[in-house]
Protein backbone atom coordinates (compact mmCIF):
# COMPACT_ATOMS: atom_id res chain seq x y z
CA MET A 1 0.00 0.00 0.00
CA GLY A 2 1.47 3.35 -1.06
CA LEU A 3 1.60 6.58 0.92
CA TRP A 4 -1.34 8.10 -0.97
CA GLU A 5 -3.61 5.16 -0.28
CA ALA A 6 -2.48 4.65 3.30
CA ARG A 7 -2.32 8.25 4.53
CA VAL A 8 -4.37 10.47 2.20
CA VAL A 9 -7.34 8.41 1.00
CA PRO A 10 -8.76 7.86 4.53
CA HIS A 11 -8.98 11.65 4.99
CA ILE A 12 -10.74 12.06 1.63
CA VAL A 13 -13.20 9.30 2.47
CA ASP A 14 -13.83 10.85 5.89
CA ARG A 15 -14.78 14.15 4.26
CA ALA A 16 -16.67 12.77 1.26
CA CYS A 17 -18.68 10.18 3.21
CA GLY A 18 -19.31 12.47 6.16
CA ILE A 19 -21.42 15.07 4.37
CA PRO A 20 -24.70 16.03 6.08
CA GLN A 21 -26.81 14.83 3.13
CA LEU A 22 -25.84 11.26 3.97
CA GLU A 23 -27.01 11.28 7.57
CA PRO A 24 -30.67 10.34 6.84
CA LEU A 25 -29.43 7.44 4.71
CA ARG A 26 -27.02 6.36 7.43
CA GLU A 27 -29.96 6.40 9.85
CA LYS A 28 -31.88 4.14 7.46
CA ALA A 29 -28.95 1.72 7.30
CA CYS A 30 -28.71 1.68 11.11
CA ASP A 31 -32.44 1.20 11.64
CA GLY A 32 -33.09 -2.27 13.03
CA LEU A 33 -29.61 -2.83 14.43
CA HIS A 34 -29.61 -4.42 17.86
CA GLY A 35 -27.46 -6.34 20.30
CA LYS A 36 -23.90 -7.14 19.25
CA VAL A 37 -23.20 -5.54 15.85
CA VAL A 38 -20.29 -6.23 13.52
CA GLU A 39 -19.54 -3.14 11.43
CA VAL A 40 -17.44 -4.00 8.38
CA GLY A 41 -15.62 -0.96 7.08
CA PHE A 42 -15.93 1.10 10.25
CA GLY A 43 -13.91 3.93 8.73
CA SER A 44 -13.73 7.10 10.81
CA GLY A 45 -16.84 6.23 12.81
CA SER A 46 -19.42 8.28 10.92
CA ASN A 47 -22.23 5.99 12.12
CA ILE A 48 -21.50 6.62 15.79
CA GLY A 49 -24.41 8.53 17.25
CA LEU A 50 -26.87 6.91 14.85
CA TYR A 51 -26.97 3.43 16.40
CA PRO A 52 -30.39 2.57 17.87
CA ALA A 53 -30.72 2.27 21.63
CA GLU A 54 -31.01 -1.52 21.25
CA VAL A 55 -27.35 -1.77 20.17
CA THR A 56 -25.15 -2.97 23.04
CA GLU A 57 -21.75 -3.41 21.36
CA ILE A 58 -19.98 -2.56 18.10
CA ILE A 59 -17.32 -4.90 16.76
CA ALA A 60 -15.40 -2.82 14.22
CA VAL A 61 -13.55 -4.25 11.22
CA GLU A 62 -11.31 -1.56 9.71
CA PRO A 63 -8.13 -2.12 7.66
CA SER A 64 -6.88 1.49 7.83
CA ASP A 65 -4.95 2.62 10.90
CA VAL A 66 -5.42 6.23 9.81
CA ALA A 67 -9.20 5.85 9.60
CA TRP A 68 -9.19 4.21 13.03
CA GLU A 69 -7.20 7.16 14.41
CA LEU A 70 -9.67 9.58 12.82
CA SER A 71 -12.49 7.84 14.68
CA ALA A 72 -10.89 8.35 18.11
CA THR A 73 -12.92 11.40 19.15
CA ARG A 74 -16.19 9.85 18.00
CA ARG A 75 -15.39 6.60 19.78
CA ALA A 76 -14.53 8.45 22.96
CA GLY A 77 -17.96 10.09 22.92
CA SER A 78 -19.89 6.94 22.03
CA SER A 79 -22.47 5.58 24.44
CA VAL A 80 -21.90 2.15 22.86
CA PRO A 81 -18.58 0.33 23.41
CA VAL A 82 -16.56 -0.04 20.22
CA SER A 83 -13.68 -2.48 19.76
CA ARG A 84 -11.54 -3.12 16.68
CA VAL A 85 -11.31 -6.83 16.04
CA GLY A 86 -10.08 -7.29 12.49
CA LEU A 87 -8.66 -5.78 9.34
CA ASP A 88 -10.24 -7.87 6.59
CA GLY A 89 -13.98 -8.16 5.96
CA ALA A 90 -13.39 -11.40 4.06
CA ASP A 91 -11.73 -13.04 7.08
CA LEU A 92 -13.62 -12.12 10.24
CA PRO A 93 -12.03 -13.33 13.50
CA LEU A 94 -15.45 -14.17 14.91
CA ALA A 95 -17.23 -17.42 15.70
CA ASP A 96 -20.15 -18.71 13.67
CA ALA A 97 -23.51 -17.17 14.64
CA SER A 98 -21.86 -14.87 17.18
CA VAL A 99 -23.38 -11.47 16.32
CA ASP A 100 -26.96 -10.26 16.22
CA THR A 101 -26.81 -7.79 13.34
CA GLY A 102 -24.31 -6.29 10.90
CA LEU A 103 -23.61 -2.95 9.26
CA VAL A 104 -21.64 -2.00 6.16
CA THR A 105 -21.46 1.54 4.78
CA PHE A 106 -19.36 2.69 1.83
CA SER A 107 -17.20 -0.42 1.99
CA LEU A 108 -18.65 -2.98 -0.43
CA CYS A 109 -17.39 -0.71 -3.20
CA THR A 110 -13.79 -1.21 -2.07
CA ILE A 111 -13.35 -4.61 -0.38
CA PRO A 112 -11.27 -6.68 -2.85
CA ASP A 113 -13.04 -9.96 -2.06
CA VAL A 114 -16.54 -8.56 -1.71
CA ALA A 115 -18.20 -11.96 -2.17
CA GLY A 116 -16.01 -13.38 0.58
CA ALA A 117 -16.89 -10.50 2.90
CA LEU A 118 -20.61 -11.03 2.43
CA THR A 119 -20.18 -14.77 2.95
CA GLU A 120 -18.35 -14.03 6.20
CA LEU A 121 -21.16 -11.69 7.31
CA ARG A 122 -23.67 -14.48 6.75
CA ARG A 123 -21.48 -16.90 8.69
CA VAL A 124 -21.17 -14.76 11.82
CA LEU A 125 -24.82 -13.65 11.94
CA ARG A 126 -27.15 -15.50 14.26
CA PRO A 127 -30.20 -17.16 12.62
CA GLY A 128 -32.62 -14.47 11.54
CA GLY A 129 -29.91 -11.81 11.66
CA THR A 130 -29.94 -8.82 9.34
CA ILE A 131 -27.44 -6.30 7.99
CA GLY A 132 -27.94 -2.63 7.31
CA PHE A 133 -26.17 -1.16 4.29
CA LEU A 134 -25.46 2.16 2.59
CA GLU A 135 -23.33 2.01 -0.53
CA HIS A 136 -22.75 3.82 -3.80
CA GLY A 137 -22.78 1.75 -6.95
CA LEU A 138 -23.94 1.05 -10.46
CA SER A 139 -26.65 3.34 -11.79
CA PRO A 140 -29.63 1.91 -13.73
CA ASP A 141 -29.35 4.89 -16.13
CA PRO A 142 -27.39 3.61 -19.16
CA THR A 143 -25.75 6.97 -19.78
CA VAL A 144 -24.54 7.29 -16.20
CA ALA A 145 -23.50 3.63 -16.13
CA ARG A 146 -21.36 4.11 -19.26
CA TRP A 147 -19.49 6.92 -17.54
CA GLN A 148 -19.09 4.77 -14.44
CA HIS A 149 -17.46 2.04 -16.49
CA ARG A 150 -15.21 4.58 -18.22
CA LEU A 151 -14.09 6.09 -14.92
CA ASP A 152 -13.87 2.88 -12.89
CA GLY A 153 -10.18 2.19 -13.47
CA LEU A 154 -9.16 5.73 -12.53
CA GLN A 155 -11.46 5.64 -9.50
CA GLN A 156 -9.77 2.47 -8.26
CA ARG A 157 -6.27 3.92 -8.71
CA LEU A 158 -7.07 7.21 -6.97
CA PHE A 159 -9.31 5.96 -4.16
CA GLY A 160 -7.83 2.79 -2.78
CA GLY A 161 -9.59 0.25 -4.99
CA CYS A 162 -13.05 1.84 -4.84
CA HIS A 163 -15.33 0.71 -7.68
CA LEU A 164 -18.12 2.71 -9.32
CA THR A 165 -19.69 -0.29 -11.06
CA ARG A 166 -20.70 -2.73 -8.33
CA ASP A 167 -24.43 -3.51 -8.27
CA ILE A 168 -25.11 -3.60 -4.54
CA PRO A 169 -28.53 -5.36 -4.44
CA GLU A 170 -27.23 -7.93 -6.93
CA LEU A 171 -24.12 -8.57 -4.84
CA LEU A 172 -26.25 -9.12 -1.75
CA ALA A 173 -28.60 -11.48 -3.56
CA ASP A 174 -25.73 -13.45 -5.09
CA GLN A 175 -24.37 -14.18 -1.61
CA GLY A 176 -27.67 -15.38 -0.17
CA PHE A 177 -29.07 -12.18 1.33
CA GLN A 178 -32.69 -11.17 0.84
CA VAL A 179 -33.14 -7.42 0.57
CA GLU A 180 -36.06 -6.47 2.80
CA LEU A 181 -35.83 -2.69 2.58
CA LEU A 182 -34.24 -0.69 -0.23
CA GLN A 183 -34.02 2.99 -1.10
CA GLN A 184 -32.06 4.01 -4.19
CA ASP A 185 -31.51 7.48 -5.56
CA TYR A 186 -28.93 10.04 -6.58
CA LEU A 187 -27.44 12.32 -3.99
CA PRO A 188 -28.16 16.01 -4.57
CA GLY A 189 -25.62 17.63 -6.87
CA PRO A 190 -24.86 18.65 -10.44
CA ALA A 191 -25.30 16.17 -13.27
CA PRO A 192 -21.54 15.44 -13.60
CA SER A 193 -21.55 14.04 -10.04
CA LYS A 194 -24.02 11.29 -10.89
CA PRO A 195 -21.42 8.54 -11.53
CA TRP A 196 -20.38 8.91 -7.87
CA GLY A 197 -23.79 9.71 -6.45
CA TYR A 198 -26.09 6.73 -7.01
CA VAL A 199 -26.64 5.17 -3.58
CA SER A 200 -28.46 2.16 -2.16
CA ALA A 201 -29.58 2.12 1.47
CA GLY A 202 -31.56 -0.50 3.32
CA ARG A 203 -31.61 -3.79 5.17
CA ALA A 204 -31.10 -7.41 4.14
CA SER A 205 -31.59 -10.71 5.94
CA ALA A 206 -29.28 -13.70 5.77
């Protein structure tokens, strides 16, 4: 991992994914979380403060030391205990059926082995468990999608492997999740921002 990816990208992601317009969608992703939660791609802790009262513990999986450092102030002010337990969403150091619910926000776009990460989420969820998600991904608009495919290689090089072309509901379904709640739309912004602004938020059951 180069200096740009290790030291700079986490700050960009913190700013870009921490905009106020995303908070209602983060709340939607967090709705229904309860008990012990595994959060894959914890980042700088932007979901802290949005967890429902039923959440008792957050088990954070975050590969970036810089992002973890950026989350320090938020973690210190959290009413829910947060512990970092792993670096790789595709290899969770957790027992089978050991967590109640899961959360993944702006991470399925970047995890190299995204199928493996979703398989691991299913493995560690207790029977009947659900995950909340908020991700950007492939637009259904052919014009926007063409631009996403054109820009995808550059996006990956500049932003730590982040893809513009992953179809989030399809990824979930392919790994055995049933999407129970789904909201999809473009974030507010000028037309040229659409390749980066098509988001999916909701909940899926294993």
